[in-house]
């Protein structure tokens, strides 16, 4: 029977095997020692992270700062669409019987004061833009149209602003009438000019046949 001779590993093989075990052991050791502290801040770009690997457990919402909610989003939307300029404008003028005075011009709107026989004082407004709209809390007092609400309101149609001076008495005695029941509103046909007006009128006061005083809150965009 032929004997099988066992060959001893060569020194080179032994050294190679030992080196492999050392290398593997070092890798395992290094992997076990790497932690979040070992990674330099800002060294991993966002595009290197696997999608959907970060959840609420890894993200501290308290450190994200102010995050707009639905309410804030709506408010921001209103703010951007408003884009408006607000102004308060006033007028003060006197007139004699038979005279019409221009009080104020705002966008397409022109405000005038009419002083007629009586004497009688009345503030009016006209528009130069089609499809405008106007309304008065003073109902039909002083209106040349059949209704206090006018829409569409076209150029050439004159609407009263507030009460006339004969709201209380028509006997020609001194009168002073204010917007005690409310204000009047006008909005242009393109929607870019809105005016809220308050008009007061008087007759035979301060030495004048008619007097016109008022103010307008304007909103343009």
C-alpha atoms as a PDB file:
ATOM      1  CA  UNK A   1       0.000   0.000   0.000  1.00  0.00           C
ATOM      2  CA  UNK A   2       1.328   3.361  -1.039  1.00  0.00           C
ATOM      3  CA  UNK A   3       1.791   5.855   1.728  1.00  0.00           C
ATOM      4  CA  UNK A   4       0.301   9.344   1.414  1.00  0.00           C
ATOM      5  CA  UNK A   5       2.750  12.013   2.255  1.00  0.00           C
ATOM      6  CA  UNK A   6       1.400  15.145   3.899  1.00  0.00           C
ATOM      7  CA  UNK A   7       3.091  18.309   2.839  1.00  0.00           C
ATOM      8  CA  UNK A   8       3.607  21.057   5.376  1.00  0.00           C
ATOM      9  CA  UNK A   9       2.374  24.546   4.331  1.00  0.00           C
ATOM     10  CA  UNK A  10       5.069  26.740   3.119  1.00  0.00           C
ATOM     11  CA  UNK A  11       6.084  29.810   5.161  1.00  0.00           C
ATOM     12  CA  UNK A  12       4.722  32.075   2.411  1.00  0.00           C
ATOM     13  CA  UNK A  13       1.255  30.473   2.629  1.00  0.00           C
ATOM     14  CA  UNK A  14       1.185  30.794   6.411  1.00  0.00           C
ATOM     15  CA  UNK A  15       2.080  34.459   6.223  1.00  0.00           C
ATOM     16  CA  UNK A  16      -0.615  35.107   3.563  1.00  0.00           C
ATOM     17  CA  UNK A  17      -3.327  33.457   5.649  1.00  0.00           C
ATOM     18  CA  UNK A  18      -2.314  35.402   8.749  1.00  0.00           C
ATOM     19  CA  UNK A  19      -2.348  38.661   6.799  1.00  0.00           C
ATOM     20  CA  UNK A  20      -5.873  37.899   5.537  1.00  0.00           C
ATOM     21  CA  UNK A  21      -7.155  37.290   9.067  1.00  0.00           C
ATOM     22  CA  UNK A  22      -5.522  40.490  10.303  1.00  0.00           C
ATOM     23  CA  UNK A  23      -7.065  42.498   7.465  1.00  0.00           C
ATOM     24  CA  UNK A  24     -10.518  41.057   8.053  1.00  0.00           C
ATOM     25  CA  UNK A  25     -10.246  41.604  11.753  1.00  0.00           C
ATOM     26  CA  UNK A  26      -9.210  45.225  11.232  1.00  0.00           C
ATOM     27  CA  UNK A  27     -12.178  45.879   8.953  1.00  0.00           C
ATOM     28  CA  UNK A  28     -14.621  44.407  11.456  1.00  0.00           C
ATOM     29  CA  UNK A  29     -12.978  46.380  14.240  1.00  0.00           C
ATOM     30  CA  UNK A  30     -13.114  49.618  12.227  1.00  0.00           C
ATOM     31  CA  UNK A  31     -16.759  49.065  11.315  1.00  0.00           C
ATOM     32  CA  UNK A  32     -17.651  48.452  14.941  1.00  0.00           C
ATOM     33  CA  UNK A  33     -15.894  51.654  16.031  1.00  0.00           C
ATOM     34  CA  UNK A  34     -17.437  54.067  13.372  1.00  0.00           C
ATOM     35  CA  UNK A  35     -20.233  56.208  14.800  1.00  0.00           C
ATOM     36  CA  UNK A  36     -22.032  59.489  14.039  1.00  0.00           C
ATOM     37  CA  UNK A  37     -19.253  61.351  15.831  1.00  0.00           C
ATOM     38  CA  UNK A  38     -16.716  59.928  13.393  1.00  0.00           C
ATOM     39  CA  UNK A  39     -18.479  61.494  10.391  1.00  0.00           C
ATOM     40  CA  UNK A  40     -17.492  65.072   9.695  1.00  0.00           C
ATOM     41  CA  UNK A  41     -20.390  67.529   9.693  1.00  0.00           C
ATOM     42  CA  UNK A  42     -21.536  68.516   6.225  1.00  0.00           C
ATOM     43  CA  UNK A  43     -19.522  65.741   4.586  1.00  0.00           C
ATOM     44  CA  UNK A  44     -22.525  63.721   3.350  1.00  0.00           C
ATOM     45  CA  UNK A  45     -24.571  65.502   0.650  1.00  0.00           C
ATOM     46  CA  UNK A  46     -28.327  65.044   0.552  1.00  0.00           C
ATOM     47  CA  UNK A  47     -28.199  63.315  -2.839  1.00  0.00           C
ATOM     48  CA  UNK A  48     -26.122  60.519  -1.257  1.00  0.00           C
ATOM     49  CA  UNK A  49     -28.895  59.534   1.142  1.00  0.00           C
ATOM     50  CA  UNK A  50     -31.273  56.793   0.115  1.00  0.00           C
ATOM     51  CA  UNK A  51     -34.787  58.078  -0.551  1.00  0.00           C
ATOM     52  CA  UNK A  52     -37.345  57.662   2.224  1.00  0.00           C
ATOM     53  CA  UNK A  53     -34.703  56.631   4.765  1.00  0.00           C
ATOM     54  CA  UNK A  54     -35.298  59.681   6.994  1.00  0.00           C
ATOM     55  CA  UNK A  55     -38.516  59.723   8.994  1.00  0.00           C
ATOM     56  CA  UNK A  56     -39.928  61.694  11.888  1.00  0.00           C
ATOM     57  CA  UNK A  57     -37.776  59.602  14.232  1.00  0.00           C
ATOM     58  CA  UNK A  58     -34.597  61.034  12.729  1.00  0.00           C
ATOM     59  CA  UNK A  59     -35.884  64.615  12.274  1.00  0.00           C
ATOM     60  CA  UNK A  60     -36.301  66.936  15.247  1.00  0.00           C
ATOM     61  CA  UNK A  61     -39.238  69.122  14.159  1.00  0.00           C
ATOM     62  CA  UNK A  62     -38.590  71.576  16.977  1.00  0.00           C
ATOM     63  CA  UNK A  63     -35.284  72.522  15.363  1.00  0.00           C
ATOM     64  CA  UNK A  64     -36.726  73.181  11.905  1.00  0.00           C
ATOM     65  CA  UNK A  65     -37.883  76.690  12.867  1.00  0.00           C
ATOM     66  CA  UNK A  66     -41.268  78.139  11.900  1.00  0.00           C
ATOM     67  CA  UNK A  67     -43.050  75.977   9.372  1.00  0.00           C
ATOM     68  CA  UNK A  68     -46.109  77.674   7.738  1.00  0.00           C
ATOM     69  CA  UNK A  69     -49.326  75.856   8.422  1.00  0.00           C
ATOM     70  CA  UNK A  70     -52.477  76.014   6.325  1.00  0.00           C
ATOM     71  CA  UNK A  71     -53.676  79.178   8.078  1.00  0.00           C
ATOM     72  CA  UNK A  72     -50.367  80.965   7.510  1.00  0.00           C
ATOM     73  CA  UNK A  73     -50.434  79.926   3.869  1.00  0.00           C
ATOM     74  CA  UNK A  74     -53.874  81.469   3.382  1.00  0.00           C
ATOM     75  CA  UNK A  75     -52.797  84.687   5.096  1.00  0.00           C
ATOM     76  CA  UNK A  76     -49.711  84.884   2.898  1.00  0.00           C
ATOM     77  CA  UNK A  77     -51.893  84.408  -0.158  1.00  0.00           C
ATOM     78  CA  UNK A  78     -54.130  87.307   0.881  1.00  0.00           C
ATOM     79  CA  UNK A  79     -51.112  89.486   1.538  1.00  0.00           C
ATOM     80  CA  UNK A  80     -49.699  88.901  -1.940  1.00  0.00           C
ATOM     81  CA  UNK A  81     -52.989  89.441  -3.735  1.00  0.00           C
ATOM     82  CA  UNK A  82     -53.786  92.616  -1.815  1.00  0.00           C
ATOM     83  CA  UNK A  83     -50.818  94.712  -2.936  1.00  0.00           C
ATOM     84  CA  UNK A  84     -52.808  97.823  -2.185  1.00  0.00           C
ATOM     85  CA  UNK A  85     -52.254 101.508  -1.416  1.00  0.00           C
ATOM     86  CA  UNK A  86     -54.471 103.104   1.214  1.00  0.00           C
ATOM     87  CA  UNK A  87     -55.120 106.831   1.504  1.00  0.00           C
ATOM     88  CA  UNK A  88     -57.414 109.240   3.285  1.00  0.00           C
ATOM     89  CA  UNK A  89     -58.421 112.286   1.234  1.00  0.00           C
ATOM     90  CA  UNK A  90     -60.527 115.244   2.348  1.00  0.00           C
ATOM     91  CA  UNK A  91     -62.423 118.109   0.777  1.00  0.00           C
ATOM     92  CA  UNK A  92     -63.844 121.432   1.922  1.00  0.00           C
ATOM     93  CA  UNK A  93     -65.451 124.019  -0.366  1.00  0.00           C
ATOM     94  CA  UNK A  94     -68.144 126.684  -0.513  1.00  0.00           C
ATOM     95  CA  UNK A  95     -70.399 127.669  -3.388  1.00  0.00           C
ATOM     96  CA  UNK A  96     -73.060 130.221  -4.321  1.00  0.00           C
ATOM     97  CA  UNK A  97     -76.501 129.404  -5.660  1.00  0.00           C
ATOM     98  CA  UNK A  98     -76.248 128.100  -9.226  1.00  0.00           C
ATOM     99  CA  UNK A  99     -72.625 127.012  -8.830  1.00  0.00           C
ATOM    100  CA  UNK A 100     -71.104 123.519  -9.104  1.00  0.00           C
ATOM    101  CA  UNK A 101     -67.650 123.006  -7.579  1.00  0.00           C
ATOM    102  CA  UNK A 102     -65.247 120.106  -8.105  1.00  0.00           C
ATOM    103  CA  UNK A 103     -64.358 118.610  -4.723  1.00  0.00           C
ATOM    104  CA  UNK A 104     -62.115 115.655  -5.447  1.00  0.00           C
ATOM    105  CA  UNK A 105     -60.934 113.284  -8.168  1.00  0.00           C
ATOM    106  CA  UNK A 106     -59.954 109.684  -7.353  1.00  0.00           C
ATOM    107  CA  UNK A 107     -59.167 107.332 -10.234  1.00  0.00           C
ATOM    108  CA  UNK A 108     -62.216 107.359 -12.537  1.00  0.00           C
ATOM    109  CA  UNK A 109     -64.373 109.111  -9.920  1.00  0.00           C
ATOM    110  CA  UNK A 110     -65.057 112.846  -9.761  1.00  0.00           C
ATOM    111  CA  UNK A 111     -66.853 114.342  -6.750  1.00  0.00           C
ATOM    112  CA  UNK A 112     -68.733 117.638  -7.089  1.00  0.00           C
ATOM    113  CA  UNK A 113     -70.858 119.886  -4.935  1.00  0.00           C
ATOM    114  CA  UNK A 114     -74.081 121.373  -6.389  1.00  0.00           C
ATOM    115  CA  UNK A 115     -75.571 124.524  -4.876  1.00  0.00           C
ATOM    116  CA  UNK A 116     -79.096 125.106  -6.188  1.00  0.00           C
ATOM    117  CA  UNK A 117     -82.050 127.365  -5.406  1.00  0.00           C
ATOM    118  CA  UNK A 118     -83.273 127.193  -1.839  1.00  0.00           C
ATOM    119  CA  UNK A 119     -80.430 127.168  -1.193  1.00  0.00           C
ATOM    120  CA  UNK A 120     -79.903 123.413  -1.447  1.00  0.00           C
ATOM    121  CA  UNK A 121     -76.544 121.635  -1.203  1.00  0.00           C
ATOM    122  CA  UNK A 122     -75.847 118.120  -2.459  1.00  0.00           C
ATOM    123  CA  UNK A 123     -72.636 116.178  -3.094  1.00  0.00           C
ATOM    124  CA  UNK A 124     -72.473 114.006  -6.220  1.00  0.00           C
ATOM    125  CA  UNK A 125     -70.077 111.559  -7.860  1.00  0.00           C
ATOM    126  CA  UNK A 126     -69.629 110.494 -11.474  1.00  0.00           C
ATOM    127  CA  UNK A 127     -67.469 107.772 -13.021  1.00  0.00           C
ATOM    128  CA  UNK A 128     -65.572 107.754 -16.293  1.00  0.00           C
ATOM    129  CA  UNK A 129     -65.285 103.976 -16.367  1.00  0.00           C
ATOM    130  CA  UNK A 130     -68.011 101.617 -17.563  1.00  0.00           C
ATOM    131  CA  UNK A 131     -69.330  98.817 -15.343  1.00  0.00           C
ATOM    132  CA  UNK A 132     -68.502 100.671 -12.131  1.00  0.00           C
ATOM    133  CA  UNK A 133     -70.749 100.281  -9.067  1.00  0.00           C
ATOM    134  CA  UNK A 134     -72.050 102.672  -6.411  1.00  0.00           C
ATOM    135  CA  UNK A 135     -74.216 102.480  -3.312  1.00  0.00           C
ATOM    136  CA  UNK A 136     -75.479 104.955  -0.727  1.00  0.00           C
ATOM    137  CA  UNK A 137     -76.857 104.457   2.766  1.00  0.00           C
ATOM    138  CA  UNK A 138     -78.827 107.656   2.214  1.00  0.00           C
ATOM    139  CA  UNK A 139     -81.250 105.669   0.043  1.00  0.00           C
ATOM    140  CA  UNK A 140     -82.722 107.775  -2.779  1.00  0.00           C
ATOM    141  CA  UNK A 141     -82.238 111.172  -1.194  1.00  0.00           C
ATOM    142  CA  UNK A 142     -80.677 113.425  -3.817  1.00  0.00           C
ATOM    143  CA  UNK A 143     -80.356 110.656  -6.399  1.00  0.00           C
ATOM    144  CA  UNK A 144     -81.016 111.347 -10.040  1.00  0.00           C
ATOM    145  CA  UNK A 145     -81.477 107.620 -10.665  1.00  0.00           C
ATOM    146  CA  UNK A 146     -84.297 105.416  -9.411  1.00  0.00           C
ATOM    147  CA  UNK A 147     -82.263 103.429  -6.906  1.00  0.00           C
ATOM    148  CA  UNK A 148     -79.608 104.010  -4.239  1.00  0.00           C
ATOM    149  CA  UNK A 149     -77.672 101.025  -5.577  1.00  0.00           C
ATOM    150  CA  UNK A 150     -76.311 101.480  -9.075  1.00  0.00           C
ATOM    151  CA  UNK A 151     -74.772  98.579 -11.008  1.00  0.00           C
ATOM    152  CA  UNK A 152     -73.695  98.691 -13.683  1.00  0.00           C
ATOM    153  CA  UNK A 153     -72.917 102.349 -13.226  1.00  0.00           C
ATOM    154  CA  UNK A 154     -71.971 103.959 -16.507  1.00  0.00           C
ATOM    155  CA  UNK A 155     -70.265 107.258 -17.434  1.00  0.00           C
ATOM    156  CA  UNK A 156     -72.682 110.202 -17.495  1.00  0.00           C
ATOM    157  CA  UNK A 157     -74.813 108.909 -14.614  1.00  0.00           C
ATOM    158  CA  UNK A 158     -74.532 111.141 -11.542  1.00  0.00           C
ATOM    159  CA  UNK A 159     -75.080 109.590  -8.102  1.00  0.00           C
ATOM    160  CA  UNK A 160     -75.571 111.445  -4.833  1.00  0.00           C
ATOM    161  CA  UNK A 161     -73.089 111.053  -2.000  1.00  0.00           C
ATOM    162  CA  UNK A 162     -74.809 111.282   1.368  1.00  0.00           C
ATOM    163  CA  UNK A 163     -77.859 113.353   2.238  1.00  0.00           C
ATOM    164  CA  UNK A 164     -78.883 116.679   0.801  1.00  0.00           C
ATOM    165  CA  UNK A 165     -79.111 119.790   2.961  1.00  0.00           C
ATOM    166  CA  UNK A 166     -82.925 119.609   2.959  1.00  0.00           C
ATOM    167  CA  UNK A 167     -82.932 116.269   4.785  1.00  0.00           C
ATOM    168  CA  UNK A 168     -84.253 118.003   7.920  1.00  0.00           C
ATOM    169  CA  UNK A 169     -85.993 121.185   6.705  1.00  0.00           C
ATOM    170  CA  UNK A 170     -86.876 122.652   3.321  1.00  0.00           C
ATOM    171  CA  UNK A 171     -87.830 126.144   4.492  1.00  0.00           C
ATOM    172  CA  UNK A 172     -84.516 127.777   3.555  1.00  0.00           C
ATOM    173  CA  UNK A 173     -83.315 128.059   7.144  1.00  0.00           C
ATOM    174  CA  UNK A 174     -79.649 127.383   8.000  1.00  0.00           C
ATOM    175  CA  UNK A 175     -78.952 123.627   7.737  1.00  0.00           C
ATOM    176  CA  UNK A 176     -76.120 121.266   8.499  1.00  0.00           C
ATOM    177  CA  UNK A 177     -76.467 117.598   7.552  1.00  0.00           C
ATOM    178  CA  UNK A 178     -73.885 114.914   8.218  1.00  0.00           C
ATOM    179  CA  UNK A 179     -73.525 111.242   7.189  1.00  0.00           C
ATOM    180  CA  UNK A 180     -75.242 110.106  10.354  1.00  0.00           C
ATOM    181  CA  UNK A 181     -76.735 106.966   8.782  1.00  0.00           C
ATOM    182  CA  UNK A 182     -73.585 105.670   7.155  1.00  0.00           C
ATOM    183  CA  UNK A 183     -71.265 106.068   4.207  1.00  0.00           C
ATOM    184  CA  UNK A 184     -71.304 105.658   0.446  1.00  0.00           C
ATOM    185  CA  UNK A 185     -69.178 103.308  -1.625  1.00  0.00           C
ATOM    186  CA  UNK A 186     -67.887 103.343  -5.177  1.00  0.00           C
ATOM    187  CA  UNK A 187     -65.819 100.738  -7.019  1.00  0.00           C
ATOM    188  CA  UNK A 188     -64.374 101.118 -10.501  1.00  0.00           C
ATOM    189  CA  UNK A 189     -65.283  98.882 -13.405  1.00  0.00           C
ATOM    190  CA  UNK A 190     -61.867  97.210 -13.405  1.00  0.00           C
ATOM    191  CA  UNK A 191     -61.988  96.662  -9.627  1.00  0.00           C
ATOM    192  CA  UNK A 192     -58.754  98.583  -9.058  1.00  0.00           C
ATOM    193  CA  UNK A 193     -60.211 101.588  -7.207  1.00  0.00           C
ATOM    194  CA  UNK A 194     -62.481 101.368  -4.169  1.00  0.00           C
ATOM    195  CA  UNK A 195     -63.704 104.460  -2.319  1.00  0.00           C
ATOM    196  CA  UNK A 196     -65.657 104.769   0.924  1.00  0.00           C
ATOM    197  CA  UNK A 197     -66.963 108.344   1.290  1.00  0.00           C
ATOM    198  CA  UNK A 198     -68.479 110.390   4.108  1.00  0.00           C
ATOM    199  CA  UNK A 199     -70.053 113.689   3.032  1.00  0.00           C
ATOM    200  CA  UNK A 200     -71.506 116.579   5.019  1.00  0.00           C
ATOM    201  CA  UNK A 201     -73.328 119.572   3.536  1.00  0.00           C
ATOM    202  CA  UNK A 202     -74.724 122.834   4.851  1.00  0.00           C
ATOM    203  CA  UNK A 203     -76.607 125.942   3.736  1.00  0.00           C
ATOM    204  CA  UNK A 204     -76.449 129.484   5.058  1.00  0.00           C
ATOM    205  CA  UNK A 205     -73.642 128.597   7.465  1.00  0.00           C
ATOM    206  CA  UNK A 206     -70.273 130.349   7.779  1.00  0.00           C
ATOM    207  CA  UNK A 207     -71.550 133.094   5.500  1.00  0.00           C
ATOM    208  CA  UNK A 208     -71.916 130.808   2.468  1.00  0.00           C
ATOM    209  CA  UNK A 209     -74.958 129.756   0.485  1.00  0.00           C
ATOM    210  CA  UNK A 210     -73.646 126.176   0.404  1.00  0.00           C
ATOM    211  CA  UNK A 211     -70.772 124.378   2.071  1.00  0.00           C
ATOM    212  CA  UNK A 212     -69.359 120.917   1.305  1.00  0.00           C
ATOM    213  CA  UNK A 213     -67.066 119.025   3.661  1.00  0.00           C
ATOM    214  CA  UNK A 214     -66.109 115.358   3.656  1.00  0.00           C
ATOM    215  CA  UNK A 215     -63.465 112.680   3.436  1.00  0.00           C
ATOM    216  CA  UNK A 216     -62.821 109.548   1.423  1.00  0.00           C
ATOM    217  CA  UNK A 217     -60.992 106.382   2.302  1.00  0.00           C
ATOM    218  CA  UNK A 218     -59.423 105.077  -0.914  1.00  0.00           C
ATOM    219  CA  UNK A 219     -57.993 101.666  -1.708  1.00  0.00           C
ATOM    220  CA  UNK A 220     -56.172 101.137  -5.000  1.00  0.00           C
ATOM    221  CA  UNK A 221     -54.336  98.146  -6.431  1.00  0.00           C
END
